[in-house]
């Protein structure tokens, strides 16, 4: 049987980090895809799931992707911090195209974690596999 994943190529530490964050990233993708509300509300909920993770929780090669998601999702400082946070303020002010980029990054993060875990998504498998 072919092992389509990269599990055998990754260090134990990298695989352990992927396992430790996969559930939250999965929930984030699920909220983004099937959660209630319009796309910005779903995106806010998806990022809210991720925001409590730390950069060091992720495998080294995915840290910059995680940081990008968080920084792009909170780039606008709240004008009314007692009423809403930077994430909510940003979701109110971003364009659809920016929201799409953030959503794509969340999905990319999920698929790369799955690859590390040894369960790559079909479209992300290498042609020679």
C-alpha atoms as a PDB file:
ATOM      1  CA  UNK A   1       0.000   0.000   0.000  1.00  0.00           C
ATOM      2  CA  UNK A   2       1.295   3.454  -0.889  1.00  0.00           C
ATOM      3  CA  UNK A   3       1.725   5.994   1.867  1.00  0.00           C
ATOM      4  CA  UNK A   4       0.450   9.146   0.180  1.00  0.00           C
ATOM      5  CA  UNK A   5       1.297  11.359   3.118  1.00  0.00           C
ATOM      6  CA  UNK A   6       4.575  12.768   4.277  1.00  0.00           C
ATOM      7  CA  UNK A   7       4.365  11.280   7.754  1.00  0.00           C
ATOM      8  CA  UNK A   8       7.474   9.164   7.232  1.00  0.00           C
ATOM      9  CA  UNK A   9       9.446  12.223   6.052  1.00  0.00           C
ATOM     10  CA  UNK A  10       8.605  14.518   8.955  1.00  0.00           C
ATOM     11  CA  UNK A  11      10.201  14.661  12.360  1.00  0.00           C
ATOM     12  CA  UNK A  12       8.283  13.456  15.388  1.00  0.00           C
ATOM     13  CA  UNK A  13       8.162  17.029  16.705  1.00  0.00           C
ATOM     14  CA  UNK A  14       6.661  18.386  13.465  1.00  0.00           C
ATOM     15  CA  UNK A  15       4.039  15.630  13.362  1.00  0.00           C
ATOM     16  CA  UNK A  16       3.164  16.203  17.039  1.00  0.00           C
ATOM     17  CA  UNK A  17       2.665  19.922  16.425  1.00  0.00           C
ATOM     18  CA  UNK A  18       0.437  19.202  13.431  1.00  0.00           C
ATOM     19  CA  UNK A  19      -1.639  16.831  15.556  1.00  0.00           C
ATOM     20  CA  UNK A  20      -1.950  19.376  18.353  1.00  0.00           C
ATOM     21  CA  UNK A  21      -3.539  22.071  16.166  1.00  0.00           C
ATOM     22  CA  UNK A  22      -5.461  20.051  13.578  1.00  0.00           C
ATOM     23  CA  UNK A  23      -8.742  19.988  15.502  1.00  0.00           C
ATOM     24  CA  UNK A  24      -8.979  23.782  15.828  1.00  0.00           C
ATOM     25  CA  UNK A  25      -7.972  24.298  12.213  1.00  0.00           C
ATOM     26  CA  UNK A  26     -10.581  21.730  11.119  1.00  0.00           C
ATOM     27  CA  UNK A  27     -13.267  23.519  13.151  1.00  0.00           C
ATOM     28  CA  UNK A  28     -12.179  26.797  11.586  1.00  0.00           C
ATOM     29  CA  UNK A  29     -12.584  25.349   8.076  1.00  0.00           C
ATOM     30  CA  UNK A  30     -15.945  23.859   9.031  1.00  0.00           C
ATOM     31  CA  UNK A  31     -17.200  27.214  10.366  1.00  0.00           C
ATOM     32  CA  UNK A  32     -16.020  28.929   7.232  1.00  0.00           C
ATOM     33  CA  UNK A  33     -17.752  26.447   4.939  1.00  0.00           C
ATOM     34  CA  UNK A  34     -21.029  25.628   6.667  1.00  0.00           C
ATOM     35  CA  UNK A  35     -21.449  28.078   9.542  1.00  0.00           C
ATOM     36  CA  UNK A  36     -24.475  30.346   9.714  1.00  0.00           C
ATOM     37  CA  UNK A  37     -24.436  33.917   8.466  1.00  0.00           C
ATOM     38  CA  UNK A  38     -22.764  35.769   5.644  1.00  0.00           C
ATOM     39  CA  UNK A  39     -19.171  35.153   4.629  1.00  0.00           C
ATOM     40  CA  UNK A  40     -17.686  37.828   6.881  1.00  0.00           C
ATOM     41  CA  UNK A  41     -19.435  36.446   9.944  1.00  0.00           C
ATOM     42  CA  UNK A  42     -18.280  32.919   9.071  1.00  0.00           C
ATOM     43  CA  UNK A  43     -14.763  34.215   8.482  1.00  0.00           C
ATOM     44  CA  UNK A  44     -14.799  36.010  11.850  1.00  0.00           C
ATOM     45  CA  UNK A  45     -15.910  32.808  13.578  1.00  0.00           C
ATOM     46  CA  UNK A  46     -13.264  30.785  11.728  1.00  0.00           C
ATOM     47  CA  UNK A  47     -10.471  33.167  12.748  1.00  0.00           C
ATOM     48  CA  UNK A  48     -11.815  33.353  16.304  1.00  0.00           C
ATOM     49  CA  UNK A  49     -11.260  29.602  16.538  1.00  0.00           C
ATOM     50  CA  UNK A  50      -7.624  30.013  15.461  1.00  0.00           C
ATOM     51  CA  UNK A  51      -6.744  33.165  17.354  1.00  0.00           C
ATOM     52  CA  UNK A  52      -6.218  31.352  20.647  1.00  0.00           C
ATOM     53  CA  UNK A  53      -3.466  29.209  19.165  1.00  0.00           C
ATOM     54  CA  UNK A  54       0.110  30.434  19.325  1.00  0.00           C
ATOM     55  CA  UNK A  55       2.691  30.632  16.562  1.00  0.00           C
ATOM     56  CA  UNK A  56       4.866  28.089  18.358  1.00  0.00           C
ATOM     57  CA  UNK A  57       1.996  25.577  18.370  1.00  0.00           C
ATOM     58  CA  UNK A  58       2.457  25.119  14.605  1.00  0.00           C
ATOM     59  CA  UNK A  59       5.189  23.284  12.693  1.00  0.00           C
ATOM     60  CA  UNK A  60       7.964  25.699  11.700  1.00  0.00           C
ATOM     61  CA  UNK A  61       7.029  25.797   8.010  1.00  0.00           C
ATOM     62  CA  UNK A  62       3.440  26.855   8.786  1.00  0.00           C
ATOM     63  CA  UNK A  63       4.102  29.594  11.325  1.00  0.00           C
ATOM     64  CA  UNK A  64       4.287  32.409   8.789  1.00  0.00           C
ATOM     65  CA  UNK A  65       1.010  31.273   7.214  1.00  0.00           C
ATOM     66  CA  UNK A  66      -0.715  31.267  10.614  1.00  0.00           C
ATOM     67  CA  UNK A  67       0.738  34.703  11.461  1.00  0.00           C
ATOM     68  CA  UNK A  68      -0.458  36.088   8.127  1.00  0.00           C
ATOM     69  CA  UNK A  69      -4.016  34.865   8.778  1.00  0.00           C
ATOM     70  CA  UNK A  70      -4.112  36.481  12.213  1.00  0.00           C
ATOM     71  CA  UNK A  71      -2.460  39.761  11.169  1.00  0.00           C
ATOM     72  CA  UNK A  72      -4.687  40.211   8.087  1.00  0.00           C
ATOM     73  CA  UNK A  73      -7.778  39.396  10.143  1.00  0.00           C
ATOM     74  CA  UNK A  74      -6.992  41.952  12.846  1.00  0.00           C
ATOM     75  CA  UNK A  75      -5.231  44.679  10.866  1.00  0.00           C
ATOM     76  CA  UNK A  76      -7.765  47.424  11.648  1.00  0.00           C
ATOM     77  CA  UNK A  77      -7.745  48.721  15.196  1.00  0.00           C
ATOM     78  CA  UNK A  78     -11.185  48.926  16.730  1.00  0.00           C
ATOM     79  CA  UNK A  79     -12.687  52.385  16.881  1.00  0.00           C
ATOM     80  CA  UNK A  80     -14.881  51.272  19.786  1.00  0.00           C
ATOM     81  CA  UNK A  81     -12.892  48.665  21.763  1.00  0.00           C
ATOM     82  CA  UNK A  82     -15.563  48.283  24.428  1.00  0.00           C
ATOM     83  CA  UNK A  83     -18.097  47.303  21.801  1.00  0.00           C
ATOM     84  CA  UNK A  84     -16.025  45.228  19.358  1.00  0.00           C
ATOM     85  CA  UNK A  85     -12.481  44.001  18.953  1.00  0.00           C
ATOM     86  CA  UNK A  86      -9.961  44.381  16.145  1.00  0.00           C
ATOM     87  CA  UNK A  87     -11.163  41.166  14.484  1.00  0.00           C
ATOM     88  CA  UNK A  88     -14.749  42.397  14.268  1.00  0.00           C
ATOM     89  CA  UNK A  89     -13.604  45.846  13.113  1.00  0.00           C
ATOM     90  CA  UNK A  90     -11.466  44.296  10.390  1.00  0.00           C
ATOM     91  CA  UNK A  91     -14.286  42.048   9.182  1.00  0.00           C
ATOM     92  CA  UNK A  92     -16.526  45.115   8.858  1.00  0.00           C
ATOM     93  CA  UNK A  93     -13.939  47.004   6.815  1.00  0.00           C
ATOM     94  CA  UNK A  94     -12.279  44.457   4.524  1.00  0.00           C
ATOM     95  CA  UNK A  95     -13.215  43.874   0.919  1.00  0.00           C
ATOM     96  CA  UNK A  96     -14.570  40.564  -0.301  1.00  0.00           C
ATOM     97  CA  UNK A  97     -11.299  39.913  -2.137  1.00  0.00           C
ATOM     98  CA  UNK A  98      -9.344  40.222   1.133  1.00  0.00           C
ATOM     99  CA  UNK A  99     -11.809  37.920   2.861  1.00  0.00           C
ATOM    100  CA  UNK A 100     -11.338  35.372   0.073  1.00  0.00           C
ATOM    101  CA  UNK A 101      -7.550  35.504   0.507  1.00  0.00           C
ATOM    102  CA  UNK A 102      -7.857  34.911   4.246  1.00  0.00           C
ATOM    103  CA  UNK A 103     -10.247  32.005   3.641  1.00  0.00           C
ATOM    104  CA  UNK A 104      -7.859  30.503   1.077  1.00  0.00           C
ATOM    105  CA  UNK A 105      -5.000  30.735   3.589  1.00  0.00           C
ATOM    106  CA  UNK A 106      -7.064  28.973   6.246  1.00  0.00           C
ATOM    107  CA  UNK A 107      -7.829  26.165   3.814  1.00  0.00           C
ATOM    108  CA  UNK A 108      -4.184  26.017   2.734  1.00  0.00           C
ATOM    109  CA  UNK A 109      -3.090  25.777   6.373  1.00  0.00           C
ATOM    110  CA  UNK A 110      -5.531  22.910   6.906  1.00  0.00           C
ATOM    111  CA  UNK A 111      -4.393  21.010   3.806  1.00  0.00           C
ATOM    112  CA  UNK A 112      -0.712  21.410   4.715  1.00  0.00           C
ATOM    113  CA  UNK A 113      -1.393  20.119   8.221  1.00  0.00           C
ATOM    114  CA  UNK A 114      -3.184  17.136   6.724  1.00  0.00           C
ATOM    115  CA  UNK A 115      -0.199  16.507   4.463  1.00  0.00           C
ATOM    116  CA  UNK A 116       2.170  16.538   7.445  1.00  0.00           C
ATOM    117  CA  UNK A 117      -0.163  14.158   9.287  1.00  0.00           C
ATOM    118  CA  UNK A 118      -0.080  11.764   6.343  1.00  0.00           C
ATOM    119  CA  UNK A 119      -3.574  12.481   5.023  1.00  0.00           C
ATOM    120  CA  UNK A 120      -3.169  14.902   2.109  1.00  0.00           C
ATOM    121  CA  UNK A 121      -6.262  16.212   0.378  1.00  0.00           C
ATOM    122  CA  UNK A 122      -6.748  14.863  -3.143  1.00  0.00           C
ATOM    123  CA  UNK A 123      -5.982  18.068  -4.999  1.00  0.00           C
ATOM    124  CA  UNK A 124      -2.794  18.557  -2.999  1.00  0.00           C
ATOM    125  CA  UNK A 125      -1.281  15.147  -3.732  1.00  0.00           C
ATOM    126  CA  UNK A 126       1.756  15.174  -5.913  1.00  0.00           C
ATOM    127  CA  UNK A 127       1.239  13.707  -9.438  1.00  0.00           C
ATOM    128  CA  UNK A 128       3.849  11.023  -8.855  1.00  0.00           C
ATOM    129  CA  UNK A 129       1.989   9.672  -5.796  1.00  0.00           C
END
